[in-house]
Amino acid sequence: MYWKSIMICCKNNYIINDPSDYFDYLQLLEYFYKDLYNTHYICPEDLHKQHQHYLKKKNKIQKEKEFEILKSEIKKNEKSYKKKISPYMKLSFVQNNIHIEPIKTVKQLFNESSILNHCAFINEYYKKSGIILFSAKINNEILETIEYSLKEKKVIQARGLNNKIS
């Protein structure tokens, strides 16, 4: 598939130390419609650096595509979540610099889950019945997400950064 590019490398005395990485790099170039016969692209001075450059670009595009899918998922579930949470919207607990209030939207849960790197959004806690999700903040900085059972009237779990207890 890349035979012509390999021949150009040979002609230019370009040494490929790691063929696996090199072919990954060529696939990235192909993804971005770069000229696979141009020595500027196929014979980079620093293969690793260029590989990482295009990999980051592709990852960014992939994340944007995934985010578009997530946005439609958020939008689809927002109405039912707001209906579920509406009786508790004005609930707020404040003591000193600690502020705890319900998570008011699915988008807010998505953002909080992303910041804290936990699974409350991905595992669709916003769809669980009989619970309220709270956001705990100190000085307006998100500390943890709290799952509260309305039936048992107790905190089921509270998770902070990287799903740890803060």
C-alpha atoms as a PDB file:
ATOM      1  CA  MET A   1       0.000   0.000   0.000  1.00  0.00           C
ATOM      2  CA  TYR A   2       2.821   2.420   0.846  1.00  0.00           C
ATOM      3  CA  TRP A   3       5.422   0.932  -1.456  1.00  0.00           C
ATOM      4  CA  LYS A   4       6.012   4.171  -3.420  1.00  0.00           C
ATOM      5  CA  SER A   5       6.528   6.099  -0.172  1.00  0.00           C
ATOM      6  CA  ILE A   6       9.001   3.461   1.030  1.00  0.00           C
ATOM      7  CA  MET A   7      10.904   3.704  -2.251  1.00  0.00           C
ATOM      8  CA  ILE A   8      11.134   7.494  -1.870  1.00  0.00           C
ATOM      9  CA  CYS A   9      12.492   6.962   1.658  1.00  0.00           C
ATOM     10  CA  CYS A  10      15.122   4.571   0.314  1.00  0.00           C
ATOM     11  CA  LYS A  11      16.053   6.982  -2.471  1.00  0.00           C
ATOM     12  CA  ASN A  12      16.578   9.719   0.149  1.00  0.00           C
ATOM     13  CA  ASN A  13      18.488   7.443   2.545  1.00  0.00           C
ATOM     14  CA  TYR A  14      15.760   7.883   5.139  1.00  0.00           C
ATOM     15  CA  ILE A  15      16.079   5.217   7.802  1.00  0.00           C
ATOM     16  CA  ILE A  16      12.920   3.824   9.341  1.00  0.00           C
ATOM     17  CA  ASN A  17      13.817   2.495  12.776  1.00  0.00           C
ATOM     18  CA  ASP A  18      10.350   1.436  13.823  1.00  0.00           C
ATOM     19  CA  PRO A  19       8.204   0.304  10.867  1.00  0.00           C
ATOM     20  CA  SER A  20       5.112  -0.048  13.024  1.00  0.00           C
ATOM     21  CA  ASP A  21       5.230   3.601  14.123  1.00  0.00           C
ATOM     22  CA  TYR A  22       6.130   4.685  10.627  1.00  0.00           C
ATOM     23  CA  PHE A  23       3.121   2.964   9.066  1.00  0.00           C
ATOM     24  CA  ASP A  24       0.883   4.445  11.774  1.00  0.00           C
ATOM     25  CA  TYR A  25       2.333   7.821  10.829  1.00  0.00           C
ATOM     26  CA  LEU A  26       1.621   7.230   7.132  1.00  0.00           C
ATOM     27  CA  GLN A  27      -1.965   6.345   7.991  1.00  0.00           C
ATOM     28  CA  LEU A  28      -2.259   9.614   9.886  1.00  0.00           C
ATOM     29  CA  LEU A  29      -0.865  11.504   6.903  1.00  0.00           C
ATOM     30  CA  GLU A  30      -3.370   9.753   4.689  1.00  0.00           C
ATOM     31  CA  TYR A  31      -6.201  10.665   7.056  1.00  0.00           C
ATOM     32  CA  PHE A  32      -5.226  14.339   6.710  1.00  0.00           C
ATOM     33  CA  TYR A  33      -4.845  14.064   2.919  1.00  0.00           C
ATOM     34  CA  LYS A  34      -1.132  14.799   2.982  1.00  0.00           C
ATOM     35  CA  ASP A  35       0.982  13.986  -0.043  1.00  0.00           C
ATOM     36  CA  LEU A  36       2.457  10.523   0.590  1.00  0.00           C
ATOM     37  CA  TYR A  37       5.052  11.128  -2.155  1.00  0.00           C
ATOM     38  CA  ASN A  38       6.408  14.357  -0.712  1.00  0.00           C
ATOM     39  CA  THR A  39       9.666  13.931   1.235  1.00  0.00           C
ATOM     40  CA  HIS A  40       8.656  16.791   3.516  1.00  0.00           C
ATOM     41  CA  TYR A  41       5.931  14.554   4.965  1.00  0.00           C
ATOM     42  CA  ILE A  42       7.248  11.039   4.535  1.00  0.00           C
ATOM     43  CA  CYS A  43      10.803  11.713   5.700  1.00  0.00           C
ATOM     44  CA  PRO A  44      10.341  13.829   8.837  1.00  0.00           C
ATOM     45  CA  GLU A  45      13.376  14.846  10.877  1.00  0.00           C
ATOM     46  CA  ASP A  46      11.664  13.762  14.059  1.00  0.00           C
ATOM     47  CA  LEU A  47       9.223  10.974  13.291  1.00  0.00           C
ATOM     48  CA  HIS A  48       7.992  10.699  16.866  1.00  0.00           C
ATOM     49  CA  LYS A  49       7.278  14.432  17.099  1.00  0.00           C
ATOM     50  CA  GLN A  50       5.376  14.477  13.799  1.00  0.00           C
ATOM     51  CA  HIS A  51       3.512  11.293  14.682  1.00  0.00           C
ATOM     52  CA  GLN A  52       2.391  12.880  17.973  1.00  0.00           C
ATOM     53  CA  HIS A  53       1.409  16.099  16.197  1.00  0.00           C
ATOM     54  CA  TYR A  54      -0.949  14.345  13.783  1.00  0.00           C
ATOM     55  CA  LEU A  55      -2.175  11.957  16.456  1.00  0.00           C
ATOM     56  CA  LYS A  56      -3.216  14.893  18.666  1.00  0.00           C
ATOM     57  CA  LYS A  57      -4.980  16.521  15.715  1.00  0.00           C
ATOM     58  CA  LYS A  58      -6.877  13.325  14.931  1.00  0.00           C
ATOM     59  CA  ASN A  59      -7.754  12.753  18.599  1.00  0.00           C
ATOM     60  CA  LYS A  60      -9.159  16.275  18.790  1.00  0.00           C
ATOM     61  CA  ILE A  61     -11.351  15.605  15.747  1.00  0.00           C
ATOM     62  CA  GLN A  62     -12.499  12.279  17.202  1.00  0.00           C
ATOM     63  CA  LYS A  63     -13.362  13.911  20.531  1.00  0.00           C
ATOM     64  CA  GLU A  64     -15.338  16.610  18.735  1.00  0.00           C
ATOM     65  CA  LYS A  65     -17.304  13.919  16.888  1.00  0.00           C
ATOM     66  CA  GLU A  66     -17.917  12.057  20.150  1.00  0.00           C
ATOM     67  CA  PHE A  67     -18.955  15.304  21.806  1.00  0.00           C
ATOM     68  CA  GLU A  68     -21.529  15.923  19.072  1.00  0.00           C
ATOM     69  CA  ILE A  69     -23.004  12.495  19.810  1.00  0.00           C
ATOM     70  CA  LEU A  70     -22.923  13.253  23.548  1.00  0.00           C
ATOM     71  CA  LYS A  71     -24.622  16.614  22.974  1.00  0.00           C
ATOM     72  CA  SER A  72     -27.533  14.892  21.267  1.00  0.00           C
ATOM     73  CA  GLU A  73     -27.693  12.371  24.144  1.00  0.00           C
ATOM     74  CA  ILE A  74     -27.700  15.227  26.669  1.00  0.00           C
ATOM     75  CA  LYS A  75     -30.390  17.111  24.773  1.00  0.00           C
ATOM     76  CA  LYS A  76     -32.533  13.985  24.502  1.00  0.00           C
ATOM     77  CA  ASN A  77     -32.455  13.376  28.288  1.00  0.00           C
ATOM     78  CA  GLU A  78     -32.547  16.961  29.542  1.00  0.00           C
ATOM     79  CA  LYS A  79     -36.351  17.340  29.641  1.00  0.00           C
ATOM     80  CA  SER A  80     -37.040  14.194  31.681  1.00  0.00           C
ATOM     81  CA  TYR A  81     -34.187  14.973  34.078  1.00  0.00           C
ATOM     82  CA  LYS A  82     -35.440  18.528  34.675  1.00  0.00           C
ATOM     83  CA  LYS A  83     -38.913  17.158  35.387  1.00  0.00           C
ATOM     84  CA  LYS A  84     -37.455  14.657  37.870  1.00  0.00           C
ATOM     85  CA  ILE A  85     -35.320  17.257  39.653  1.00  0.00           C
ATOM     86  CA  SER A  86     -37.811  20.166  39.561  1.00  0.00           C
ATOM     87  CA  PRO A  87     -39.128  19.749  43.162  1.00  0.00           C
ATOM     88  CA  TYR A  88     -35.539  20.052  44.462  1.00  0.00           C
ATOM     89  CA  MET A  89     -34.176  22.846  42.229  1.00  0.00           C
ATOM     90  CA  LYS A  90     -34.079  25.459  44.993  1.00  0.00           C
ATOM     91  CA  LEU A  91     -32.622  23.123  47.608  1.00  0.00           C
ATOM     92  CA  SER A  92     -29.271  24.367  48.879  1.00  0.00           C
ATOM     93  CA  PHE A  93     -26.982  23.604  51.805  1.00  0.00           C
ATOM     94  CA  VAL A  94     -24.360  26.165  52.776  1.00  0.00           C
ATOM     95  CA  GLN A  95     -21.897  26.111  55.631  1.00  0.00           C
ATOM     96  CA  ASN A  96     -18.878  28.388  55.712  1.00  0.00           C
ATOM     97  CA  ASN A  97     -17.337  28.024  52.253  1.00  0.00           C
ATOM     98  CA  ILE A  98     -19.018  24.664  51.439  1.00  0.00           C
ATOM     99  CA  HIS A  99     -22.004  24.803  49.111  1.00  0.00           C
ATOM    100  CA  ILE A 100     -24.105  21.757  48.155  1.00  0.00           C
ATOM    101  CA  GLU A 101     -26.940  21.962  45.657  1.00  0.00           C
ATOM    102  CA  PRO A 102     -28.708  19.658  43.196  1.00  0.00           C
ATOM    103  CA  ILE A 103     -27.209  19.100  39.785  1.00  0.00           C
ATOM    104  CA  LYS A 104     -29.777  20.941  37.714  1.00  0.00           C
ATOM    105  CA  THR A 105     -29.090  19.673  34.188  1.00  0.00           C
ATOM    106  CA  VAL A 106     -27.661  16.650  32.408  1.00  0.00           C
ATOM    107  CA  LYS A 107     -25.118  18.996  30.825  1.00  0.00           C
ATOM    108  CA  GLN A 108     -23.992  20.107  34.303  1.00  0.00           C
ATOM    109  CA  LEU A 109     -23.514  16.436  35.246  1.00  0.00           C
ATOM    110  CA  PHE A 110     -21.533  15.875  32.042  1.00  0.00           C
ATOM    111  CA  ASN A 111     -19.269  18.831  32.853  1.00  0.00           C
ATOM    112  CA  GLU A 112     -18.827  17.785  36.478  1.00  0.00           C
ATOM    113  CA  SER A 113     -18.074  14.186  35.487  1.00  0.00           C
ATOM    114  CA  SER A 114     -15.494  15.443  33.000  1.00  0.00           C
ATOM    115  CA  ILE A 115     -13.846  17.736  35.562  1.00  0.00           C
ATOM    116  CA  LEU A 116     -13.772  15.115  38.315  1.00  0.00           C
ATOM    117  CA  ASN A 117     -13.082  12.230  35.928  1.00  0.00           C
ATOM    118  CA  HIS A 118     -15.760   9.927  37.288  1.00  0.00           C
ATOM    119  CA  CYS A 119     -18.536   7.812  35.776  1.00  0.00           C
ATOM    120  CA  ALA A 120     -21.746   9.522  36.974  1.00  0.00           C
ATOM    121  CA  PHE A 121     -22.552  10.783  33.476  1.00  0.00           C
ATOM    122  CA  ILE A 122     -21.320   7.806  31.447  1.00  0.00           C
ATOM    123  CA  ASN A 123     -23.212   5.382  33.705  1.00  0.00           C
ATOM    124  CA  GLU A 124     -26.323   7.535  33.313  1.00  0.00           C
ATOM    125  CA  TYR A 125     -27.004   8.316  36.977  1.00  0.00           C
ATOM    126  CA  TYR A 126     -29.334  11.041  35.717  1.00  0.00           C
ATOM    127  CA  LYS A 127     -31.734   8.263  34.634  1.00  0.00           C
ATOM    128  CA  LYS A 128     -31.831   6.559  38.039  1.00  0.00           C
ATOM    129  CA  SER A 129     -35.124   6.940  39.840  1.00  0.00           C
ATOM    130  CA  GLY A 130     -35.399   7.716  43.553  1.00  0.00           C
ATOM    131  CA  ILE A 131     -32.143   9.652  43.772  1.00  0.00           C
ATOM    132  CA  ILE A 132     -30.972  13.232  43.651  1.00  0.00           C
ATOM    133  CA  LEU A 133     -27.521  14.126  42.405  1.00  0.00           C
ATOM    134  CA  PHE A 134     -25.803  16.952  44.239  1.00  0.00           C
ATOM    135  CA  SER A 135     -22.722  18.994  43.487  1.00  0.00           C
ATOM    136  CA  ALA A 136     -20.499  19.864  46.441  1.00  0.00           C
ATOM    137  CA  LYS A 137     -18.274  22.894  46.009  1.00  0.00           C
ATOM    138  CA  ILE A 138     -15.735  24.669  48.167  1.00  0.00           C
ATOM    139  CA  ASN A 139     -15.164  28.312  47.250  1.00  0.00           C
ATOM    140  CA  ASN A 140     -17.110  27.641  44.047  1.00  0.00           C
ATOM    141  CA  GLU A 141     -14.696  24.870  42.992  1.00  0.00           C
ATOM    142  CA  ILE A 142     -16.285  21.468  42.354  1.00  0.00           C
ATOM    143  CA  LEU A 143     -15.226  19.026  45.056  1.00  0.00           C
ATOM    144  CA  GLU A 144     -17.449  15.998  44.532  1.00  0.00           C
ATOM    145  CA  THR A 145     -20.692  14.592  43.172  1.00  0.00           C
ATOM    146  CA  ILE A 146     -23.118  13.159  45.691  1.00  0.00           C
ATOM    147  CA  GLU A 147     -25.791  10.520  45.064  1.00  0.00           C
ATOM    148  CA  TYR A 148     -28.611  10.774  47.602  1.00  0.00           C
ATOM    149  CA  SER A 149     -31.394   8.182  48.005  1.00  0.00           C
ATOM    150  CA  LEU A 150     -34.845   9.716  48.526  1.00  0.00           C
ATOM    151  CA  LYS A 151     -36.224   6.379  49.747  1.00  0.00           C
ATOM    152  CA  GLU A 152     -33.478   5.614  52.262  1.00  0.00           C
ATOM    153  CA  LYS A 153     -32.884   9.291  53.048  1.00  0.00           C
ATOM    154  CA  LYS A 154     -29.135   8.880  53.003  1.00  0.00           C
ATOM    155  CA  VAL A 155     -26.066   9.472  50.864  1.00  0.00           C
ATOM    156  CA  ILE A 156     -25.385   6.406  48.743  1.00  0.00           C
ATOM    157  CA  GLN A 157     -22.022   7.646  47.533  1.00  0.00           C
ATOM    158  CA  ALA A 158     -19.954  10.790  47.174  1.00  0.00           C
ATOM    159  CA  ARG A 159     -17.115  10.813  44.687  1.00  0.00           C
ATOM    160  CA  GLY A 160     -14.470  13.404  44.014  1.00  0.00           C
ATOM    161  CA  LEU A 161     -11.521  13.614  41.639  1.00  0.00           C
ATOM    162  CA  ASN A 162     -10.778  10.323  39.852  1.00  0.00           C
ATOM    163  CA  ASN A 163     -13.752   8.648  41.565  1.00  0.00           C
ATOM    164  CA  LYS A 164     -12.113   8.918  44.988  1.00  0.00           C
ATOM    165  CA  ILE A 165     -13.682  10.013  48.230  1.00  0.00           C
ATOM    166  CA  SER A 166     -12.546  13.569  48.896  1.00  0.00           C
END
